[in-house]
Amino acid sequence: MTVVSSDLLRRFDISGPRYTSYPTADRFVEAFAAPDYSQALVQRQQGAAAAAPLSIYVHIPFCESLCYYCACNKIITKHHSRSTGYLAYLAREIDLHGAALGNGQTVTQLHLGGGTPTFFSDAELRQLMDMLGRTFNLAAGGERSIEVDPRTVDGKRLDALAALGFNRISFGVQDFNPEVQKAVHRIQPLEQVAALMQQARAIGFDSINVDLIYGLPKQTPESFAQTLEQVCALRPDRVAMYGYAHLPERFKPQRRIVSADLPGASSKLAMLSQSIDGFIKAGYEYIGMDHFALPTDSLAVAKRQGRLHRNFQGYSTQPDCDLIGLGVSAIGRIGATYSQNAKTMEEYCDHLDQGRLPVVRGLALNRDDLVRRAVIMVLMCQGQVMFESIEVAWLIDFRRYFAPELAQMDQLVEQGLVRVTDTGIEVTESGWYLVRAVAMVFDRYLQADRNRAKFSRII
């Protein structure tokens, strides 16, 4: 039996943030720009944080073909010559960071996302790693992960990725059903993915992740159950399973999806419920936010040991640290600031042509933001918040500071999502599957405007 009922899932079929940050990216403002970001970098270099490890995210926006469900920032092109120019601009951006931070800052976590990072050739990926290595100290044994479109790699390419130091790999699968793949314009047979995963294991990647999406056109609970069975048989170390958010008014590619082909709310709930059951029965542990991992995977170990963290790439085993975002539309965090690069290639390149970092919006967090971020992140990662730890860290009286929020907790207690004691708030086993709803109570911006239509459904 699942630990969360269909009735509870139905009751919380609402929209809300994923809380890869707080405040969320929709709160970024253009008043925060390149000079503010440069100042944050200089303050890091001059302060105690200079010796703290860094995380780096590089956004590679190119894809050869369009996936209709995609809401990522991407450029569809078959002209691989475009990556040469993009690498040159990435080099400029890296150099500007080196000028502000000084060379040799230690990086313990590197992630390449997109788009399709493997749009780059092996030589171009090697060039990118060399560029990063000249400015930053890429720590030996650090986490180096890359997102891979299975249609763009073979065993030889996997060998090349491992030789470049990548030790974690994520395959975008979404669904193995041929009719679903046709409806979203992404054909990749099960046999192709299975062969790649077998090769990746033989090469020795530390962790293999598979991405799935439920709620896609032509999906049914029966067809998705088969995909779940096939994924469990492949035995990836991690599974990230997202609910499809159909927002064609915001994301133009989604207009190619026939709305009548989308599964209804009851079917989506059935897919989610059977997925939870299926992965738990197959021996996976639920990490949170639709993420599952085998007990031996470092993510599951980090959760059990209370070392789980969350950043713009999702759950992480890395300590809460500064993140540099490189490339078009990339988001970063330095100190008490968030920043985002220009979203179009033209604007991104124009800033760098003028010798400026390409940051066009962001946010400097105030004290209330920091207090609430601490509460939301500990709920999202540890499933509990101890009043005393927040009070000591931020010199507040938790019950007084969060009196309205604690009043709202009463309803969540009645629904079985949390337990509130004299010492803290604890998310229940059922509440873990709806932890976004618990965190939303402490989101001052969301509570103020109640405008949640811009977010995905929390299930």
Protein backbone atom coordinates (compact mmCIF):
# COMPACT_ATOMS: atom_id res chain seq x y z
CA MET A 1 0.00 0.00 0.00
CA THR A 2 1.17 3.50 -0.78
CA VAL A 3 1.71 5.83 2.16
CA VAL A 4 -0.22 8.61 0.41
CA SER A 5 -3.86 8.23 -0.58
CA SER A 6 -5.36 9.18 -3.94
CA ASP A 7 -7.77 11.42 -2.05
CA LEU A 8 -4.87 13.35 -0.52
CA LEU A 9 -3.15 13.67 -3.91
CA ARG A 10 -6.41 14.94 -5.43
CA ARG A 11 -6.87 17.47 -2.64
CA PHE A 12 -3.42 18.93 -3.29
CA ASP A 13 -3.62 19.01 -7.08
CA ILE A 14 -2.59 22.69 -7.01
CA SER A 15 0.15 24.85 -8.51
CA GLY A 16 3.24 25.88 -6.60
CA PRO A 17 7.01 26.53 -6.80
CA ARG A 18 9.61 23.77 -6.89
CA TYR A 19 11.79 25.77 -4.45
CA THR A 20 15.13 25.29 -6.11
CA SER A 21 15.57 28.72 -4.55
CA TYR A 22 13.78 31.07 -2.21
CA PRO A 23 12.70 33.63 -3.19
CA THR A 24 11.81 31.91 -6.46
CA ALA A 25 13.16 33.08 -9.82
CA ASP A 26 9.91 34.83 -10.77
CA ARG A 27 10.80 37.38 -8.05
CA PHE A 28 14.06 38.40 -9.75
CA VAL A 29 14.18 42.06 -10.83
CA GLU A 30 16.04 43.95 -13.56
CA ALA A 31 17.19 46.48 -10.98
CA PHE A 32 19.74 43.83 -10.00
CA ALA A 33 22.18 43.69 -12.92
CA ALA A 34 25.81 43.05 -13.86
CA PRO A 35 27.34 45.67 -11.49
CA ASP A 36 25.50 44.15 -8.51
CA TYR A 37 26.64 40.67 -9.48
CA SER A 38 30.23 41.85 -9.92
CA GLN A 39 30.12 43.37 -6.45
CA ALA A 40 28.87 40.06 -5.01
CA LEU A 41 31.79 38.25 -6.67
CA VAL A 42 34.30 40.75 -5.27
CA GLN A 43 32.78 40.46 -1.79
CA ARG A 44 33.14 36.68 -1.99
CA GLN A 45 36.77 37.01 -3.04
CA GLN A 46 37.53 39.40 -0.20
CA GLY A 47 35.53 37.64 2.51
CA ALA A 48 35.65 34.42 4.47
CA ALA A 49 33.76 32.64 1.69
CA ALA A 50 36.80 32.89 -0.61
CA ALA A 51 38.06 29.53 0.64
CA ALA A 52 34.64 27.86 0.49
CA PRO A 53 33.99 25.46 -2.41
CA LEU A 54 32.03 26.51 -5.47
CA SER A 55 29.49 24.84 -7.68
CA ILE A 56 29.32 25.63 -11.42
CA TYR A 57 26.46 25.18 -13.87
CA VAL A 58 27.04 25.57 -17.62
CA HIS A 59 24.01 25.96 -19.88
CA ILE A 60 24.43 24.61 -23.41
CA PRO A 61 21.23 25.61 -25.24
CA PHE A 62 21.50 23.75 -28.55
CA CYS A 63 19.28 20.83 -29.62
CA GLU A 64 19.09 19.14 -33.00
CA SER A 65 15.34 18.54 -32.79
CA LEU A 66 12.40 19.93 -30.87
CA CYS A 67 10.69 17.98 -28.08
CA TYR A 68 7.16 19.33 -27.93
CA TYR A 69 6.85 19.16 -24.13
CA CYS A 70 10.04 21.14 -23.48
CA ALA A 71 9.97 24.36 -21.45
CA CYS A 72 13.76 24.79 -21.31
CA ASN A 73 15.71 27.65 -22.86
CA LYS A 74 16.97 26.09 -26.07
CA ILE A 75 17.98 26.78 -29.67
CA ILE A 76 16.93 24.23 -32.29
CA THR A 77 19.59 23.82 -34.96
CA LYS A 78 21.40 21.12 -36.90
CA HIS A 79 24.31 23.48 -37.58
CA HIS A 80 27.00 22.34 -35.16
CA SER A 81 29.19 25.25 -36.26
CA ARG A 82 27.16 27.42 -33.87
CA SER A 83 28.82 25.79 -30.88
CA THR A 84 32.22 27.17 -31.91
CA GLY A 85 31.08 30.76 -31.45
CA TYR A 86 29.26 29.92 -28.23
CA LEU A 87 32.42 28.41 -26.75
CA ALA A 88 34.27 31.64 -27.49
CA TYR A 89 31.68 33.62 -25.53
CA LEU A 90 31.76 31.13 -22.66
CA ALA A 91 35.53 31.67 -22.55
CA ARG A 92 34.98 35.43 -22.16
CA GLU A 93 32.45 34.87 -19.37
CA ILE A 94 34.80 32.50 -17.55
CA ASP A 95 37.66 35.01 -17.86
CA LEU A 96 35.48 37.78 -16.38
CA HIS A 97 34.75 35.54 -13.39
CA GLY A 98 38.46 34.86 -12.99
CA ALA A 99 39.16 38.59 -13.01
CA ALA A 100 36.64 39.16 -10.20
CA LEU A 101 37.36 36.07 -8.09
CA GLY A 102 40.99 35.39 -8.89
CA ASN A 103 42.12 32.13 -10.43
CA GLY A 104 42.19 28.86 -8.56
CA GLN A 105 38.91 28.88 -6.64
CA THR A 106 38.03 25.27 -5.82
CA VAL A 107 35.00 23.79 -7.58
CA THR A 108 33.56 20.62 -6.05
CA GLN A 109 30.46 20.33 -8.23
CA LEU A 110 30.09 20.87 -11.99
CA HIS A 111 26.91 20.30 -13.97
CA LEU A 112 26.32 20.66 -17.72
CA GLY A 113 22.68 21.13 -18.70
CA GLY A 114 20.66 22.36 -21.62
CA GLY A 115 19.42 22.06 -24.22
CA THR A 116 21.62 19.14 -25.08
CA PRO A 117 25.16 19.30 -23.67
CA THR A 118 26.18 16.44 -25.94
CA PHE A 119 25.41 18.70 -28.91
CA PHE A 120 29.04 19.69 -28.32
CA SER A 121 31.57 17.36 -29.91
CA ASP A 122 34.08 15.52 -27.75
CA ALA A 123 36.73 18.06 -28.76
CA GLU A 124 34.45 20.96 -27.82
CA LEU A 125 33.64 19.43 -24.45
CA ARG A 126 37.37 18.97 -23.88
CA GLN A 127 37.91 22.63 -24.80
CA LEU A 128 35.21 23.67 -22.31
CA MET A 129 36.79 21.60 -19.52
CA ASP A 130 40.20 23.08 -20.32
CA MET A 131 38.76 26.60 -20.17
CA LEU A 132 37.19 25.91 -16.78
CA GLY A 133 40.37 24.24 -15.53
CA ARG A 134 42.53 27.27 -16.36
CA THR A 135 40.41 29.57 -14.18
CA PHE A 136 39.07 27.23 -11.50
CA ASN A 137 40.53 24.36 -9.50
CA LEU A 138 38.27 21.43 -10.46
CA ALA A 139 38.69 19.35 -7.33
CA ALA A 140 39.80 15.74 -7.74
CA GLY A 141 36.95 13.47 -6.73
CA GLY A 142 34.42 16.27 -7.18
CA GLU A 143 30.99 15.70 -8.66
CA ARG A 144 30.91 16.21 -12.43
CA SER A 145 27.55 15.53 -14.06
CA ILE A 146 26.14 15.92 -17.54
CA GLU A 147 22.68 15.63 -19.08
CA VAL A 148 22.60 13.33 -22.10
CA ASP A 149 20.11 12.88 -24.92
CA PRO A 150 20.43 9.13 -25.65
CA ARG A 151 20.00 9.86 -29.37
CA THR A 152 23.26 11.83 -29.43
CA VAL A 153 25.73 9.38 -27.87
CA ASP A 154 27.14 5.89 -28.24
CA GLY A 155 29.57 3.81 -26.20
CA LYS A 156 32.56 5.63 -27.64
CA ARG A 157 31.14 8.99 -26.59
CA LEU A 158 30.44 7.70 -23.09
CA ASP A 159 34.10 6.66 -22.87
CA ALA A 160 35.08 10.18 -23.91
CA LEU A 161 32.85 11.75 -21.23
CA ALA A 162 34.42 9.55 -18.56
CA ALA A 163 37.90 10.47 -19.79
CA LEU A 164 36.97 14.15 -19.34
CA GLY A 165 36.17 13.44 -15.68
CA PHE A 166 32.39 13.18 -15.79
CA ASN A 167 31.29 10.69 -13.15
CA ARG A 168 27.53 11.22 -13.14
CA ILE A 169 25.24 10.99 -16.12
CA SER A 170 21.54 11.67 -16.66
CA PHE A 171 19.57 10.16 -19.54
CA GLY A 172 16.42 11.93 -20.70
CA VAL A 173 13.88 9.14 -21.25
CA GLN A 174 10.45 10.64 -20.41
CA ASP A 175 8.51 7.55 -21.67
CA PHE A 176 9.31 4.35 -23.56
CA ASN A 177 5.90 3.99 -25.23
CA PRO A 178 6.27 4.50 -29.03
CA GLU A 179 2.93 6.31 -29.37
CA VAL A 180 3.83 8.75 -26.59
CA GLN A 181 7.28 9.31 -28.08
CA LYS A 182 5.71 10.07 -31.46
CA ALA A 183 3.24 12.51 -29.88
CA VAL A 184 6.08 14.51 -28.25
CA HIS A 185 8.50 14.19 -31.21
CA ARG A 186 11.18 12.23 -29.37
CA ILE A 187 11.78 8.72 -30.69
CA GLN A 188 14.31 6.66 -28.70
CA PRO A 189 13.75 2.91 -28.35
CA LEU A 190 14.11 1.10 -25.06
CA GLU A 191 16.89 -1.03 -26.51
CA GLN A 192 18.98 2.06 -27.28
CA VAL A 193 18.74 3.41 -23.72
CA ALA A 194 19.32 -0.03 -22.19
CA ALA A 195 22.51 -0.51 -24.20
CA LEU A 196 23.82 2.92 -23.18
CA MET A 197 23.09 2.30 -19.50
CA GLN A 198 24.88 -1.04 -19.66
CA GLN A 199 27.89 0.65 -21.26
CA ALA A 200 27.85 3.48 -18.72
CA ARG A 201 27.95 0.94 -15.89
CA ALA A 202 30.81 -0.92 -17.49
CA ILE A 203 32.74 2.34 -17.85
CA GLY A 204 32.25 3.05 -14.14
CA PHE A 205 30.04 6.14 -13.81
CA ASP A 206 29.29 6.70 -10.12
CA SER A 207 25.60 7.38 -10.67
CA ILE A 208 23.16 7.00 -13.57
CA ASN A 209 19.94 9.02 -13.52
CA VAL A 210 16.84 8.63 -15.68
CA ASP A 211 14.31 11.42 -16.23
CA LEU A 212 10.64 10.54 -16.65
CA ILE A 213 7.56 12.67 -17.27
CA TYR A 214 3.97 11.70 -16.49
CA GLY A 215 0.97 13.50 -17.99
CA LEU A 216 2.27 13.51 -21.58
CA PRO A 217 -0.06 13.12 -24.59
CA LYS A 218 -1.22 9.56 -25.34
CA GLN A 219 -0.12 8.36 -21.91
CA THR A 220 -2.47 6.15 -19.91
CA PRO A 221 -1.99 4.58 -16.49
CA GLU A 222 -1.62 1.22 -18.26
CA SER A 223 1.00 2.40 -20.76
CA PHE A 224 2.97 4.29 -18.11
CA ALA A 225 2.93 1.22 -15.85
CA GLN A 226 4.85 -0.60 -18.58
CA THR A 227 7.41 2.22 -18.78
CA LEU A 228 7.82 2.07 -15.00
CA GLU A 229 8.39 -1.69 -15.17
CA GLN A 230 11.00 -1.20 -17.91
CA VAL A 231 12.80 1.54 -15.97
CA CYS A 232 12.89 -0.54 -12.80
CA ALA A 233 14.37 -3.40 -14.82
CA LEU A 234 17.13 -1.05 -16.07
CA ARG A 235 17.88 -0.22 -12.42
CA PRO A 236 19.17 3.38 -12.67
CA ASP A 237 20.70 4.71 -9.46
CA ARG A 238 18.32 7.66 -9.47
CA VAL A 239 14.99 8.52 -11.07
CA ALA A 240 13.61 12.03 -11.48
CA MET A 241 9.91 11.92 -12.35
CA TYR A 242 8.18 15.18 -13.23
CA GLY A 243 4.55 15.99 -13.85
CA TYR A 244 4.07 17.58 -17.28
CA ALA A 245 2.86 21.18 -17.05
CA HIS A 246 0.92 22.09 -20.21
CA LEU A 247 1.37 25.84 -20.59
CA PRO A 248 1.17 26.50 -24.36
CA GLU A 249 0.52 30.20 -23.79
CA ARG A 250 4.01 30.47 -22.24
CA PHE A 251 5.96 27.82 -24.13
CA LYS A 252 5.46 27.88 -27.89
CA PRO A 253 6.65 24.28 -28.59
CA GLN A 254 3.81 22.94 -26.45
CA ARG A 255 1.29 24.34 -28.96
CA ARG A 256 2.13 21.36 -31.17
CA ILE A 257 0.66 19.03 -28.55
CA VAL A 258 -2.98 18.11 -29.14
CA SER A 259 -4.74 19.01 -25.91
CA ALA A 260 -7.32 16.26 -26.44
CA ASP A 261 -4.48 13.71 -26.27
CA LEU A 262 -3.48 14.75 -22.74
CA PRO A 263 -4.53 12.44 -19.89
CA GLY A 264 -7.11 13.78 -17.48
CA ALA A 265 -6.50 14.68 -13.85
CA SER A 266 -7.64 11.27 -12.56
CA SER A 267 -5.28 9.47 -14.96
CA LYS A 268 -2.36 11.69 -13.89
CA LEU A 269 -3.10 10.95 -10.26
CA ALA A 270 -3.20 7.23 -11.02
CA MET A 271 0.18 7.46 -12.78
CA LEU A 272 1.72 9.26 -9.83
CA SER A 273 0.25 6.86 -7.27
CA GLN A 274 1.35 3.75 -9.17
CA SER A 275 4.81 5.27 -9.69
CA ILE A 276 5.28 5.80 -5.97
CA ASP A 277 4.13 2.25 -5.31
CA GLY A 278 6.25 0.82 -8.10
CA PHE A 279 9.53 2.46 -7.20
CA ILE A 280 9.17 1.80 -3.47
CA LYS A 281 8.38 -1.88 -4.13
CA ALA A 282 11.39 -2.04 -6.48
CA GLY A 283 13.65 -0.99 -3.61
CA TYR A 284 14.01 2.73 -4.28
CA GLU A 285 13.85 5.35 -1.53
CA TYR A 286 11.76 8.47 -1.98
CA ILE A 287 14.07 11.48 -1.72
CA GLY A 288 11.47 14.20 -2.18
CA MET A 289 10.00 16.28 -5.01
CA ASP A 290 9.41 13.29 -7.32
CA HIS A 291 12.97 11.98 -6.89
CA PHE A 292 13.82 8.37 -6.10
CA ALA A 293 17.19 6.73 -5.46
CA LEU A 294 18.55 3.31 -4.65
CA PRO A 295 19.58 2.98 -0.96
CA THR A 296 23.26 2.80 -1.95
CA ASP A 297 23.19 6.01 -4.02
CA SER A 298 24.85 9.04 -2.43
CA LEU A 299 21.59 11.01 -2.61
CA ALA A 300 19.76 8.43 -0.49
CA VAL A 301 22.71 8.22 1.91
CA ALA A 302 22.76 12.03 2.23
CA LYS A 303 19.06 12.09 3.05
CA ARG A 304 19.42 9.43 5.75
CA GLN A 305 22.38 11.32 7.26
CA GLY A 306 20.65 14.72 7.14
CA ARG A 307 23.12 16.09 4.55
CA LEU A 308 20.67 16.70 1.71
CA HIS A 309 20.76 20.13 0.07
CA ARG A 310 18.88 21.85 -2.71
CA ASN A 311 20.01 24.22 -5.46
CA PHE A 312 18.94 25.30 -8.94
CA GLN A 313 19.69 21.80 -10.28
CA GLY A 314 17.50 20.14 -7.64
CA TYR A 315 18.54 17.91 -4.75
CA SER A 316 22.27 17.69 -4.11
CA THR A 317 24.73 15.97 -1.78
CA GLN A 318 27.00 19.02 -1.88
CA PRO A 319 27.13 21.44 1.05
CA ASP A 320 25.12 24.63 0.71
CA CYS A 321 27.56 26.67 -1.39
CA ASP A 322 27.81 29.45 -3.93
CA LEU A 323 26.84 28.59 -7.49
CA ILE A 324 28.16 30.24 -10.65
CA GLY A 325 25.85 30.02 -13.65
CA LEU A 326 27.58 30.23 -17.04
CA GLY A 327 25.92 30.54 -20.42
CA VAL A 328 22.73 31.97 -21.82
CA SER A 329 19.87 32.13 -19.23
CA ALA A 330 21.99 30.44 -16.52
CA ILE A 331 21.08 31.19 -12.89
CA GLY A 332 23.60 31.57 -10.08
CA ARG A 333 23.81 32.31 -6.39
CA ILE A 334 26.63 34.22 -4.70
CA GLY A 335 26.31 35.05 -1.03
CA ALA A 336 22.89 36.59 -0.35
CA THR A 337 22.22 37.25 -4.05
CA TYR A 338 20.68 35.45 -7.01
CA SER A 339 21.44 36.32 -10.62
CA GLN A 340 20.36 35.29 -14.10
CA ASN A 341 22.07 35.76 -17.44
CA ALA A 342 20.38 37.14 -20.54
CA LYS A 343 17.88 34.68 -21.99
CA THR A 344 18.56 35.34 -25.67
CA MET A 345 21.81 34.57 -27.45
CA GLU A 346 21.91 38.05 -28.98
CA GLU A 347 21.68 39.85 -25.64
CA TYR A 348 24.06 37.40 -23.97
CA CYS A 349 26.72 37.97 -26.63
CA ASP A 350 26.15 41.73 -26.69
CA HIS A 351 26.97 42.06 -22.99
CA LEU A 352 30.16 40.05 -23.39
CA ASP A 353 31.15 42.00 -26.51
CA GLN A 354 31.07 45.08 -24.30
CA GLY A 355 33.22 43.41 -21.66
CA ARG A 356 30.37 43.01 -19.18
CA LEU A 357 29.11 39.96 -17.35
CA PRO A 358 25.79 39.00 -19.03
CA VAL A 359 23.64 39.24 -15.87
CA VAL A 360 20.36 41.05 -16.61
CA ARG A 361 18.28 40.38 -13.51
CA GLY A 362 18.52 38.97 -10.02
CA LEU A 363 17.83 39.69 -6.39
CA ALA A 364 19.62 40.81 -3.25
CA LEU A 365 17.98 38.94 -0.40
CA ASN A 366 16.82 40.82 2.68
CA ARG A 367 16.89 39.39 6.19
CA ASP A 368 13.33 38.06 6.02
CA ASP A 369 14.16 36.30 2.74
CA LEU A 370 17.14 34.61 4.40
CA VAL A 371 15.16 33.48 7.44
CA ARG A 372 12.37 32.06 5.29
CA ARG A 373 14.88 30.44 2.92
CA ALA A 374 16.43 28.63 5.88
CA VAL A 375 13.03 27.30 6.98
CA ILE A 376 11.86 26.30 3.49
CA MET A 377 15.10 24.56 2.55
CA VAL A 378 15.31 22.55 5.77
CA LEU A 379 11.71 21.44 5.24
CA MET A 380 12.41 20.49 1.62
CA CYS A 381 15.62 18.64 2.44
CA GLN A 382 15.29 17.27 5.97
CA GLY A 383 11.53 17.17 6.41
CA GLN A 384 11.62 18.98 9.73
CA VAL A 385 12.47 22.33 11.22
CA MET A 386 13.52 22.72 14.83
CA PHE A 387 12.41 26.05 16.29
CA GLU A 388 15.52 26.47 18.42
CA SER A 389 17.96 26.04 15.53
CA ILE A 390 16.27 28.83 13.55
CA GLU A 391 15.99 31.01 16.65
CA VAL A 392 19.70 30.67 17.47
CA ALA A 393 20.82 31.21 13.88
CA TRP A 394 18.60 34.24 13.20
CA LEU A 395 17.90 35.66 16.68
CA ILE A 396 14.12 35.46 16.38
CA ASP A 397 11.25 34.02 18.41
CA PHE A 398 10.00 31.42 15.91
CA ARG A 399 6.43 31.19 17.25
CA ARG A 400 6.03 34.95 17.23
CA TYR A 401 7.79 35.56 13.90
CA PHE A 402 5.83 32.85 12.13
CA ALA A 403 2.55 33.07 14.06
CA PRO A 404 0.35 33.30 10.90
CA GLU A 405 2.18 30.38 9.30
CA LEU A 406 1.84 28.21 12.40
CA ALA A 407 -1.89 28.94 12.38
CA GLN A 408 -2.04 27.61 8.80
CA MET A 409 -0.21 24.48 9.93
CA ASP A 410 -3.32 23.39 11.84
CA GLN A 411 -5.03 22.44 8.58
CA LEU A 412 -2.00 20.49 7.38
CA VAL A 413 -1.89 18.69 10.73
CA GLU A 414 -5.54 17.66 10.27
CA GLN A 415 -4.75 16.38 6.76
CA GLY A 416 -1.84 14.32 8.08
CA LEU A 417 0.95 16.17 6.30
CA VAL A 418 2.81 17.49 9.36
CA ARG A 419 3.16 17.15 13.10
CA VAL A 420 3.68 20.30 15.16
CA THR A 421 5.22 19.97 18.63
CA ASP A 422 6.61 22.36 21.20
CA THR A 423 10.03 22.01 19.59
CA GLY A 424 9.35 22.02 15.86
CA ILE A 425 7.52 20.96 12.72
CA GLU A 426 7.97 17.49 11.27
CA VAL A 427 6.74 16.40 7.84
CA THR A 428 4.98 13.04 8.01
CA GLU A 429 5.67 10.10 5.70
CA SER A 430 2.63 11.07 3.64
CA GLY A 431 3.61 14.74 3.79
CA TRP A 432 6.95 14.02 2.10
CA TYR A 433 5.11 13.45 -1.18
CA LEU A 434 3.47 16.88 -0.86
CA VAL A 435 6.31 18.75 0.82
CA ARG A 436 5.94 21.67 -1.61
CA ALA A 437 2.52 22.39 -0.07
CA VAL A 438 4.15 22.56 3.39
CA ALA A 439 6.93 24.87 2.20
CA MET A 440 4.44 27.15 0.43
CA VAL A 441 3.00 28.19 3.80
CA PHE A 442 6.29 30.00 4.58
CA ASP A 443 6.55 31.72 1.18
CA ARG A 444 5.72 35.34 1.98
CA TYR A 445 5.48 36.35 -1.68
CA LEU A 446 3.17 33.50 -2.62
CA GLN A 447 0.95 34.05 0.38
CA ALA A 448 0.67 37.73 -0.50
CA ASP A 449 -0.41 37.48 -4.15
CA ARG A 450 -1.86 33.96 -4.41
CA ASN A 451 -0.94 34.02 -8.10
CA ARG A 452 0.07 30.39 -8.56
CA ALA A 453 -1.01 29.81 -12.17
CA LYS A 454 2.55 30.55 -13.34
CA PHE A 455 3.88 27.51 -11.45
CA SER A 456 3.64 23.81 -12.23
CA ARG A 457 1.24 21.52 -10.36
CA ILE A 458 2.83 20.32 -7.16
CA ILE A 459 2.01 16.72 -8.10
